[in-house]
Amino acid sequence: MLMHVVYILYSEAVDRHYVGETAHLEGRLAQHNGGFYKSASTKVASDWLVYFSIECKDRQQALKLEGFIKRQKSRKFIEKLKADSEMVDALFKRFS
């Protein structure tokens, strides 16, 4: 069974984060940096790095978590999420 992850990328060039979901993080990172997604917001840079990732039990949980993080539209929220494992645990409880 594939392990799905919610990933948060960061680009120093544009000083932005990007949130996504995948079962193949390394391949997806290469796609973002290679311009594979022509209409994605990641096309503006090619220096994306994995800032943080969260392993989920399945794709459904990953999609819910990804959507929640995106709706926050907050750099501070993302930074807190990375720094506080209890926040991640609380989100798992909410989206289990």
PDB file of N, CA and C in Angstrom:
ATOM      1  N   MET A   1       0.843  -1.185   0.000  1.00  0.00           N
ATOM      2  CA  MET A   1       0.000   0.000   0.000  1.00  0.00           C
ATOM      3  C   MET A   1       0.889   1.250   0.000  1.00  0.00           C
ATOM      4  N   LEU A   2       0.538   2.216  -0.807  1.00  0.00           N
ATOM      5  CA  LEU A   2       1.307   3.453  -0.904  1.00  0.00           C
ATOM      6  C   LEU A   2       1.028   4.359   0.286  1.00  0.00           C
ATOM      7  N   MET A   3       2.079   4.978   0.779  1.00  0.00           N
ATOM      8  CA  MET A   3       1.944   5.939   1.863  1.00  0.00           C
ATOM      9  C   MET A   3       1.805   7.327   1.244  1.00  0.00           C
ATOM     10  N   HIS A   4       0.721   7.978   1.533  1.00  0.00           N
ATOM     11  CA  HIS A   4       0.512   9.331   1.011  1.00  0.00           C
ATOM     12  C   HIS A   4       1.072  10.340   1.994  1.00  0.00           C
ATOM     13  N   VAL A   5       1.611  11.401   1.448  1.00  0.00           N
ATOM     14  CA  VAL A   5       2.150  12.470   2.279  1.00  0.00           C
ATOM     15  C   VAL A   5       1.585  13.811   1.838  1.00  0.00           C
ATOM     16  N   VAL A   6       1.415  14.677   2.818  1.00  0.00           N
ATOM     17  CA  VAL A   6       1.165  16.082   2.546  1.00  0.00           C
ATOM     18  C   VAL A   6       2.535  16.719   2.620  1.00  0.00           C
ATOM     19  N   TYR A   7       2.884  17.471   1.595  1.00  0.00           N
ATOM     20  CA  TYR A   7       4.210  18.070   1.574  1.00  0.00           C
ATOM     21  C   TYR A   7       4.090  19.583   1.462  1.00  0.00           C
ATOM     22  N   ILE A   8       5.047  20.243   2.074  1.00  0.00           N
ATOM     23  CA  ILE A   8       5.129  21.692   1.989  1.00  0.00           C
ATOM     24  C   ILE A   8       6.498  22.008   1.406  1.00  0.00           C
ATOM     25  N   LEU A   9       6.485  22.651   0.260  1.00  0.00           N
ATOM     26  CA  LEU A   9       7.731  23.045  -0.397  1.00  0.00           C
ATOM     27  C   LEU A   9       8.018  24.509  -0.075  1.00  0.00           C
ATOM     28  N   TYR A  10       9.281  24.874  -0.192  1.00  0.00           N
ATOM     29  CA  TYR A  10       9.661  26.271  -0.014  1.00  0.00           C
ATOM     30  C   TYR A  10      10.644  26.657  -1.108  1.00  0.00           C
ATOM     31  N   SER A  11      10.456  27.834  -1.669  1.00  0.00           N
ATOM     32  CA  SER A  11      11.372  28.391  -2.660  1.00  0.00           C
ATOM     33  C   SER A  11      11.964  29.667  -2.096  1.00  0.00           C
ATOM     34  N   GLU A  12      13.278  29.690  -1.989  1.00  0.00           N
ATOM     35  CA  GLU A  12      13.952  30.905  -1.534  1.00  0.00           C
ATOM     36  C   GLU A  12      13.851  31.998  -2.589  1.00  0.00           C
ATOM     37  N   ALA A  13      13.885  31.614  -3.863  1.00  0.00           N
ATOM     38  CA  ALA A  13      13.853  32.596  -4.954  1.00  0.00           C
ATOM     39  C   ALA A  13      12.604  33.473  -4.915  1.00  0.00           C
ATOM     40  N   VAL A  14      11.463  32.873  -4.591  1.00  0.00           N
ATOM     41  CA  VAL A  14      10.212  33.634  -4.536  1.00  0.00           C
ATOM     42  C   VAL A  14       9.695  33.791  -3.108  1.00  0.00           C
ATOM     43  N   ASP A  15      10.427  33.227  -2.143  1.00  0.00           N
ATOM     44  CA  ASP A  15      10.074  33.311  -0.720  1.00  0.00           C
ATOM     45  C   ASP A  15       8.627  32.904  -0.477  1.00  0.00           C
ATOM     46  N   ARG A  16       8.276  31.708  -0.999  1.00  0.00           N
ATOM     47  CA  ARG A  16       6.904  31.204  -0.868  1.00  0.00           C
ATOM     48  C   ARG A  16       6.898  29.736  -0.520  1.00  0.00           C
ATOM     49  N   HIS A  17       5.765  29.325   0.073  1.00  0.00           N
ATOM     50  CA  HIS A  17       5.524  27.914   0.345  1.00  0.00           C
ATOM     51  C   HIS A  17       4.493  27.398  -0.662  1.00  0.00           C
ATOM     52  N   TYR A  18       4.515  26.098  -0.860  1.00  0.00           N
ATOM     53  CA  TYR A  18       3.512  25.434  -1.692  1.00  0.00           C
ATOM     54  C   TYR A  18       3.104  24.160  -0.960  1.00  0.00           C
ATOM     55  N   VAL A  19       1.817  23.886  -0.896  1.00  0.00           N
ATOM     56  CA  VAL A  19       1.305  22.701  -0.201  1.00  0.00           C
ATOM     57  C   VAL A  19       0.705  21.753  -1.230  1.00  0.00           C
ATOM     58  N   GLY A  20       1.053  20.464  -1.121  1.00  0.00           N
ATOM     59  CA  GLY A  20       0.513  19.463  -2.028  1.00  0.00           C
ATOM     60  C   GLY A  20       0.398  18.111  -1.363  1.00  0.00           C
ATOM     61  N   GLU A  21      -0.047  17.126  -2.136  1.00  0.00           N
ATOM     62  CA  GLU A  21      -0.242  15.755  -1.643  1.00  0.00           C
ATOM     63  C   GLU A  21       0.239  14.804  -2.713  1.00  0.00           C
ATOM     64  N   THR A  22       0.899  13.723  -2.301  1.00  0.00           N
ATOM     65  CA  THR A  22       1.370  12.734  -3.269  1.00  0.00           C
ATOM     66  C   THR A  22       1.715  11.423  -2.569  1.00  0.00           C
ATOM     67  N   ALA A  23       1.888  10.385  -3.360  1.00  0.00           N
ATOM     68  CA  ALA A  23       2.412   9.117  -2.852  1.00  0.00           C
ATOM     69  C   ALA A  23       3.874   8.960  -3.254  1.00  0.00           C
ATOM     70  N   HIS A  24       4.384   9.877  -4.076  1.00  0.00           N
ATOM     71  CA  HIS A  24       5.757   9.795  -4.592  1.00  0.00           C
ATOM     72  C   HIS A  24       6.430  11.161  -4.469  1.00  0.00           C
ATOM     73  N   LEU A  25       6.911  11.472  -3.285  1.00  0.00           N
ATOM     74  CA  LEU A  25       7.412  12.814  -3.000  1.00  0.00           C
ATOM     75  C   LEU A  25       8.615  13.205  -3.844  1.00  0.00           C
ATOM     76  N   GLU A  26       9.596  12.333  -3.976  1.00  0.00           N
ATOM     77  CA  GLU A  26      10.801  12.698  -4.746  1.00  0.00           C
ATOM     78  C   GLU A  26      10.467  13.001  -6.201  1.00  0.00           C
ATOM     79  N   GLY A  27       9.628  12.166  -6.789  1.00  0.00           N
ATOM     80  CA  GLY A  27       9.222  12.389  -8.175  1.00  0.00           C
ATOM     81  C   GLY A  27       8.424  13.670  -8.340  1.00  0.00           C
ATOM     82  N   ARG A  28       7.539  13.932  -7.385  1.00  0.00           N
ATOM     83  CA  ARG A  28       6.725  15.144  -7.453  1.00  0.00           C
ATOM     84  C   ARG A  28       7.595  16.390  -7.304  1.00  0.00           C
ATOM     85  N   LEU A  29       8.585  16.338  -6.415  1.00  0.00           N
ATOM     86  CA  LEU A  29       9.497  17.474  -6.251  1.00  0.00           C
ATOM     87  C   LEU A  29      10.243  17.753  -7.559  1.00  0.00           C
ATOM     88  N   ALA A  30      10.708  16.695  -8.211  1.00  0.00           N
ATOM     89  CA  ALA A  30      11.401  16.855  -9.489  1.00  0.00           C
ATOM     90  C   ALA A  30      10.475  17.479 -10.533  1.00  0.00           C
ATOM     91  N   GLN A  31       9.205  17.087 -10.524  1.00  0.00           N
ATOM     92  CA  GLN A  31       8.244  17.658 -11.465  1.00  0.00           C
ATOM     93  C   GLN A  31       8.042  19.154 -11.204  1.00  0.00           C
ATOM     94  N   HIS A  32       7.901  19.533  -9.944  1.00  0.00           N
ATOM     95  CA  HIS A  32       7.722  20.954  -9.625  1.00  0.00           C
ATOM     96  C   HIS A  32       8.944  21.764 -10.054  1.00  0.00           C
ATOM     97  N   ASN A  33      10.125  21.258  -9.785  1.00  0.00           N
ATOM     98  CA  ASN A  33      11.346  21.992 -10.129  1.00  0.00           C
ATOM     99  C   ASN A  33      11.632  21.986 -11.629  1.00  0.00           C
ATOM    100  N   GLY A  34      11.095  20.996 -12.336  1.00  0.00           N
ATOM    101  CA  GLY A  34      11.338  20.897 -13.768  1.00  0.00           C
ATOM    102  C   GLY A  34      10.303  21.584 -14.629  1.00  0.00           C
ATOM    103  N   GLY A  35       9.309  22.227 -14.005  1.00  0.00           N
ATOM    104  CA  GLY A  35       8.288  22.930 -14.775  1.00  0.00           C
ATOM    105  C   GLY A  35       7.255  22.024 -15.404  1.00  0.00           C
ATOM    106  N   PHE A  36       7.109  20.804 -14.891  1.00  0.00           N
ATOM    107  CA  PHE A  36       6.152  19.838 -15.435  1.00  0.00           C
ATOM    108  C   PHE A  36       4.717  20.371 -15.385  1.00  0.00           C
ATOM    109  N   TYR A  37       4.379  21.050 -14.289  1.00  0.00           N
ATOM    110  CA  TYR A  37       3.026  21.584 -14.117  1.00  0.00           C
ATOM    111  C   TYR A  37       2.987  23.009 -14.662  1.00  0.00           C
ATOM    112  N   LYS A  38       2.559  23.152 -15.898  1.00  0.00           N
ATOM    113  CA  LYS A  38       2.608  24.444 -16.604  1.00  0.00           C
ATOM    114  C   LYS A  38       1.702  25.503 -15.981  1.00  0.00           C
ATOM    115  N   SER A  39       0.597  25.086 -15.376  1.00  0.00           N
ATOM    116  CA  SER A  39      -0.326  26.072 -14.808  1.00  0.00           C
ATOM    117  C   SER A  39      -0.242  26.140 -13.284  1.00  0.00           C
ATOM    118  N   ALA A  40       0.674  25.406 -12.677  1.00  0.00           N
ATOM    119  CA  ALA A  40       0.800  25.404 -11.219  1.00  0.00           C
ATOM    120  C   ALA A  40       1.516  26.655 -10.727  1.00  0.00           C
ATOM    121  N   SER A  41       1.241  26.997  -9.498  1.00  0.00           N
ATOM    122  CA  SER A  41       1.897  28.172  -8.926  1.00  0.00           C
ATOM    123  C   SER A  41       3.386  27.931  -8.691  1.00  0.00           C
ATOM    124  N   THR A  42       3.829  26.695  -8.789  1.00  0.00           N
ATOM    125  CA  THR A  42       5.257  26.398  -8.593  1.00  0.00           C
ATOM    126  C   THR A  42       6.087  26.679  -9.838  1.00  0.00           C
ATOM    127  N   LYS A  43       5.440  27.027 -10.947  1.00  0.00           N
ATOM    128  CA  LYS A  43       6.188  27.265 -12.190  1.00  0.00           C
ATOM    129  C   LYS A  43       7.072  28.506 -12.105  1.00  0.00           C
ATOM    130  N   VAL A  44       6.854  29.358 -11.109  1.00  0.00           N
ATOM    131  CA  VAL A  44       7.595  30.613 -10.984  1.00  0.00           C
ATOM    132  C   VAL A  44       9.015  30.429 -10.453  1.00  0.00           C
ATOM    133  N   ALA A  45       9.362  29.207 -10.032  1.00  0.00           N
ATOM    134  CA  ALA A  45      10.701  28.967  -9.478  1.00  0.00           C
ATOM    135  C   ALA A  45      11.127  27.536  -9.788  1.00  0.00           C
ATOM    136  N   SER A  46      12.426  27.287  -9.652  1.00  0.00           N
ATOM    137  CA  SER A  46      12.934  25.928  -9.864  1.00  0.00           C
ATOM    138  C   SER A  46      13.859  25.499  -8.725  1.00  0.00           C
ATOM    139  N   ASP A  47      13.724  26.170  -7.589  1.00  0.00           N
ATOM    140  CA  ASP A  47      14.575  25.843  -6.440  1.00  0.00           C
ATOM    141  C   ASP A  47      13.763  25.313  -5.253  1.00  0.00           C
ATOM    142  N   TRP A  48      12.626  24.676  -5.538  1.00  0.00           N
ATOM    143  CA  TRP A  48      11.766  24.179  -4.467  1.00  0.00           C
ATOM    144  C   TRP A  48      12.475  23.087  -3.675  1.00  0.00           C
ATOM    145  N   LEU A  49      12.357  23.183  -2.365  1.00  0.00           N
ATOM    146  CA  LEU A  49      12.888  22.171  -1.448  1.00  0.00           C
ATOM    147  C   LEU A  49      11.761  21.724  -0.532  1.00  0.00           C
ATOM    148  N   VAL A  50      11.856  20.479  -0.044  1.00  0.00           N
ATOM    149  CA  VAL A  50      10.852  20.006   0.906  1.00  0.00           C
ATOM    150  C   VAL A  50      11.110  20.708   2.238  1.00  0.00           C
ATOM    151  N   TYR A  51      10.160  21.524   2.645  1.00  0.00           N
ATOM    152  CA  TYR A  51      10.237  22.263   3.898  1.00  0.00           C
ATOM    153  C   TYR A  51       9.750  21.380   5.050  1.00  0.00           C
ATOM    154  N   PHE A  52       8.681  20.605   4.767  1.00  0.00           N
ATOM    155  CA  PHE A  52       8.061  19.775   5.795  1.00  0.00           C
ATOM    156  C   PHE A  52       7.157  18.772   5.102  1.00  0.00           C
ATOM    157  N   SER A  53       7.047  17.580   5.660  1.00  0.00           N
ATOM    158  CA  SER A  53       6.104  16.604   5.114  1.00  0.00           C
ATOM    159  C   SER A  53       5.448  15.839   6.254  1.00  0.00           C
ATOM    160  N   ILE A  54       4.226  15.384   5.999  1.00  0.00           N
ATOM    161  CA  ILE A  54       3.437  14.664   6.993  1.00  0.00           C
ATOM    162  C   ILE A  54       2.920  13.391   6.346  1.00  0.00           C
ATOM    163  N   GLU A  55       3.305  12.241   6.896  1.00  0.00           N
ATOM    164  CA  GLU A  55       2.809  10.967   6.376  1.00  0.00           C
ATOM    165  C   GLU A  55       1.387  10.739   6.863  1.00  0.00           C
ATOM    166  N   CYS A  56       0.517  10.349   5.948  1.00  0.00           N
ATOM    167  CA  CYS A  56      -0.888  10.118   6.254  1.00  0.00           C
ATOM    168  C   CYS A  56      -1.223   8.645   6.078  1.00  0.00           C
ATOM    169  N   LYS A  57      -2.350   8.220   6.664  1.00  0.00           N
ATOM    170  CA  LYS A  57      -2.721   6.802   6.589  1.00  0.00           C
ATOM    171  C   LYS A  57      -3.226   6.415   5.202  1.00  0.00           C
ATOM    172  N   ASP A  58      -3.815   7.384   4.476  1.00  0.00           N
ATOM    173  CA  ASP A  58      -4.312   7.100   3.127  1.00  0.00           C
ATOM    174  C   ASP A  58      -4.504   8.418   2.369  1.00  0.00           C
ATOM    175  N   ARG A  59      -4.869   8.308   1.117  1.00  0.00           N
ATOM    176  CA  ARG A  59      -5.010   9.510   0.280  1.00  0.00           C
ATOM    177  C   ARG A  59      -6.141  10.410   0.762  1.00  0.00           C
ATOM    178  N   GLN A  60      -7.217   9.810   1.234  1.00  0.00           N
ATOM    179  CA  GLN A  60      -8.356  10.606   1.705  1.00  0.00           C
ATOM    180  C   GLN A  60      -7.929  11.519   2.856  1.00  0.00           C
ATOM    181  N   GLN A  61      -7.202  10.974   3.816  1.00  0.00           N
ATOM    182  CA  GLN A  61      -6.730  11.790   4.933  1.00  0.00           C
ATOM    183  C   GLN A  61      -5.763  12.865   4.434  1.00  0.00           C
ATOM    184  N   ALA A  62      -4.891  12.500   3.503  1.00  0.00           N
ATOM    185  CA  ALA A  62      -3.923  13.458   2.963  1.00  0.00           C
ATOM    186  C   ALA A  62      -4.634  14.610   2.263  1.00  0.00           C
ATOM    187  N   LEU A  63      -5.664  14.313   1.488  1.00  0.00           N
ATOM    188  CA  LEU A  63      -6.396  15.373   0.784  1.00  0.00           C
ATOM    189  C   LEU A  63      -7.109  16.315   1.752  1.00  0.00           C
ATOM    190  N   LYS A  64      -7.678  15.760   2.815  1.00  0.00           N
ATOM    191  CA  LYS A  64      -8.348  16.600   3.813  1.00  0.00           C
ATOM    192  C   LYS A  64      -7.343  17.510   4.509  1.00  0.00           C
ATOM    193  N   LEU A  65      -6.219  16.937   4.886  1.00  0.00           N
ATOM    194  CA  LEU A  65      -5.184  17.712   5.572  1.00  0.00           C
ATOM    195  C   LEU A  65      -4.593  18.782   4.652  1.00  0.00           C
ATOM    196  N   GLU A  66      -4.333  18.412   3.402  1.00  0.00           N
ATOM    197  CA  GLU A  66      -3.814  19.369   2.422  1.00  0.00           C
ATOM    198  C   GLU A  66      -4.779  20.545   2.259  1.00  0.00           C
ATOM    199  N   GLY A  67      -6.050  20.244   2.101  1.00  0.00           N
ATOM    200  CA  GLY A  67      -7.052  21.298   1.931  1.00  0.00           C
ATOM    201  C   GLY A  67      -7.126  22.222   3.135  1.00  0.00           C
ATOM    202  N   PHE A  68      -7.054  21.637   4.321  1.00  0.00           N
ATOM    203  CA  PHE A  68      -7.110  22.445   5.536  1.00  0.00           C
ATOM    204  C   PHE A  68      -5.924  23.398   5.610  1.00  0.00           C
ATOM    205  N   ILE A  69      -4.731  22.883   5.348  1.00  0.00           N
ATOM    206  CA  ILE A  69      -3.534  23.722   5.405  1.00  0.00           C
ATOM    207  C   ILE A  69      -3.619  24.838   4.360  1.00  0.00           C
ATOM    208  N   LYS A  70      -4.062  24.507   3.157  1.00  0.00           N
ATOM    209  CA  LYS A  70      -4.182  25.525   2.106  1.00  0.00           C
ATOM    210  C   LYS A  70      -5.190  26.610   2.487  1.00  0.00           C
ATOM    211  N   ARG A  71      -6.284  26.220   3.117  1.00  0.00           N
ATOM    212  CA  ARG A  71      -7.307  27.203   3.500  1.00  0.00           C
ATOM    213  C   ARG A  71      -6.810  28.187   4.562  1.00  0.00           C
ATOM    214  N   GLN A  72      -5.786  27.810   5.304  1.00  0.00           N
ATOM    215  CA  GLN A  72      -5.246  28.720   6.327  1.00  0.00           C
ATOM    216  C   GLN A  72      -4.561  29.925   5.680  1.00  0.00           C
ATOM    217  N   LYS A  73      -4.030  29.738   4.483  1.00  0.00           N
ATOM    218  CA  LYS A  73      -3.337  30.813   3.746  1.00  0.00           C
ATOM    219  C   LYS A  73      -2.398  31.582   4.667  1.00  0.00           C
ATOM    220  N   SER A  74      -1.576  30.833   5.404  1.00  0.00           N
ATOM    221  CA  SER A  74      -0.772  31.476   6.441  1.00  0.00           C
ATOM    222  C   SER A  74       0.625  30.881   6.545  1.00  0.00           C
ATOM    223  N   ARG A  75       1.611  31.713   6.327  1.00  0.00           N
ATOM    224  CA  ARG A  75       3.002  31.308   6.521  1.00  0.00           C
ATOM    225  C   ARG A  75       3.241  30.976   7.993  1.00  0.00           C
ATOM    226  N   LYS A  76       2.659  31.787   8.897  1.00  0.00           N
ATOM    227  CA  LYS A  76       2.844  31.543  10.328  1.00  0.00           C
ATOM    228  C   LYS A  76       2.270  30.187  10.728  1.00  0.00           C
ATOM    229  N   PHE A  77       1.124  29.822  10.167  1.00  0.00           N
ATOM    230  CA  PHE A  77       0.534  28.520  10.466  1.00  0.00           C
ATOM    231  C   PHE A  77       1.478  27.407  10.025  1.00  0.00           C
ATOM    232  N   ILE A  78       2.030  27.521   8.830  1.00  0.00           N
ATOM    233  CA  ILE A  78       2.952  26.508   8.312  1.00  0.00           C
ATOM    234  C   ILE A  78       4.200  26.413   9.187  1.00  0.00           C
ATOM    235  N   GLU A  79       4.729  27.545   9.601  1.00  0.00           N
ATOM    236  CA  GLU A  79       5.920  27.528  10.460  1.00  0.00           C
ATOM    237  C   GLU A  79       5.618  26.900  11.819  1.00  0.00           C
ATOM    238  N   LYS A  80       4.432  27.195  12.386  1.00  0.00           N
ATOM    239  CA  LYS A  80       4.036  26.585  13.658  1.00  0.00           C
ATOM    240  C   LYS A  80       3.853  25.086  13.498  1.00  0.00           C
ATOM    241  N   LEU A  81       3.249  24.687  12.388  1.00  0.00           N
ATOM    242  CA  LEU A  81       3.007  23.268  12.127  1.00  0.00           C
ATOM    243  C   LEU A  81       4.325  22.501  12.099  1.00  0.00           C
ATOM    244  N   LYS A  82       5.328  23.062  11.462  1.00  0.00           N
ATOM    245  CA  LYS A  82       6.633  22.407  11.394  1.00  0.00           C
ATOM    246  C   LYS A  82       7.290  22.331  12.774  1.00  0.00           C
ATOM    247  N   ALA A  83       7.101  23.356  13.582  1.00  0.00           N
ATOM    248  CA  ALA A  83       7.770  23.441  14.880  1.00  0.00           C
ATOM    249  C   ALA A  83       7.068  22.664  15.990  1.00  0.00           C
ATOM    250  N   ASP A  84       5.785  22.355  15.821  1.00  0.00           N
ATOM    251  CA  ASP A  84       4.994  21.797  16.922  1.00  0.00           C
ATOM    252  C   ASP A  84       4.332  20.478  16.523  1.00  0.00           C
ATOM    253  N   SER A  85       4.923  19.370  16.954  1.00  0.00           N
ATOM    254  CA  SER A  85       4.371  18.060  16.594  1.00  0.00           C
ATOM    255  C   SER A  85       2.986  17.838  17.202  1.00  0.00           C
ATOM    256  N   GLU A  86       2.665  18.531  18.283  1.00  0.00           N
ATOM    257  CA  GLU A  86       1.333  18.391  18.872  1.00  0.00           C
ATOM    258  C   GLU A  86       0.259  18.965  17.948  1.00  0.00           C
ATOM    259  N   MET A  87       0.611  19.982  17.173  1.00  0.00           N
ATOM    260  CA  MET A  87      -0.334  20.524  16.186  1.00  0.00           C
ATOM    261  C   MET A  87      -0.641  19.477  15.123  1.00  0.00           C
ATOM    262  N   VAL A  88       0.405  18.766  14.697  1.00  0.00           N
ATOM    263  CA  VAL A  88       0.219  17.713  13.695  1.00  0.00           C
ATOM    264  C   VAL A  88      -0.677  16.622  14.274  1.00  0.00           C
ATOM    265  N   ASP A  89      -0.422  16.220  15.520  1.00  0.00           N
ATOM    266  CA  ASP A  89      -1.249  15.198  16.175  1.00  0.00           C
ATOM    267  C   ASP A  89      -2.708  15.637  16.248  1.00  0.00           C
ATOM    268  N   ALA A  90      -2.942  16.905  16.570  1.00  0.00           N
ATOM    269  CA  ALA A  90      -4.310  17.427  16.650  1.00  0.00           C
ATOM    270  C   ALA A  90      -4.993  17.376  15.287  1.00  0.00           C
ATOM    271  N   LEU A  91      -4.249  17.668  14.229  1.00  0.00           N
ATOM    272  CA  LEU A  91      -4.833  17.597  12.886  1.00  0.00           C
ATOM    273  C   LEU A  91      -5.150  16.157  12.502  1.00  0.00           C
ATOM    274  N   PHE A  92      -4.293  15.204  12.892  1.00  0.00           N
ATOM    275  CA  PHE A  92      -4.577  13.796  12.625  1.00  0.00           C
ATOM    276  C   PHE A  92      -5.875  13.372  13.312  1.00  0.00           C
ATOM    277  N   LYS A  93      -6.072  13.799  14.542  1.00  0.00           N
ATOM    278  CA  LYS A  93      -7.304  13.468  15.259  1.00  0.00           C
ATOM    279  C   LYS A  93      -8.512  14.066  14.550  1.00  0.00           C
ATOM    280  N   ARG A  94      -8.356  15.288  14.093  1.00  0.00           N
ATOM    281  CA  ARG A  94      -9.453  15.975  13.419  1.00  0.00           C
ATOM    282  C   ARG A  94      -9.815  15.310  12.089  1.00  0.00           C
ATOM    283  N   PHE A  95      -8.811  14.820  11.368  1.00  0.00           N
ATOM    284  CA  PHE A  95      -9.034  14.270  10.027  1.00  0.00           C
ATOM    285  C   PHE A  95      -8.802  12.764   9.947  1.00  0.00           C
ATOM    286  N   SER A  96      -9.090  12.043  11.028  1.00  0.00           N
ATOM    287  CA  SER A  96      -8.893  10.576  10.987  1.00  0.00           C
ATOM    288  C   SER A  96     -10.138   9.866  10.501  1.00  0.00           C
TER     289      SER A  96
END
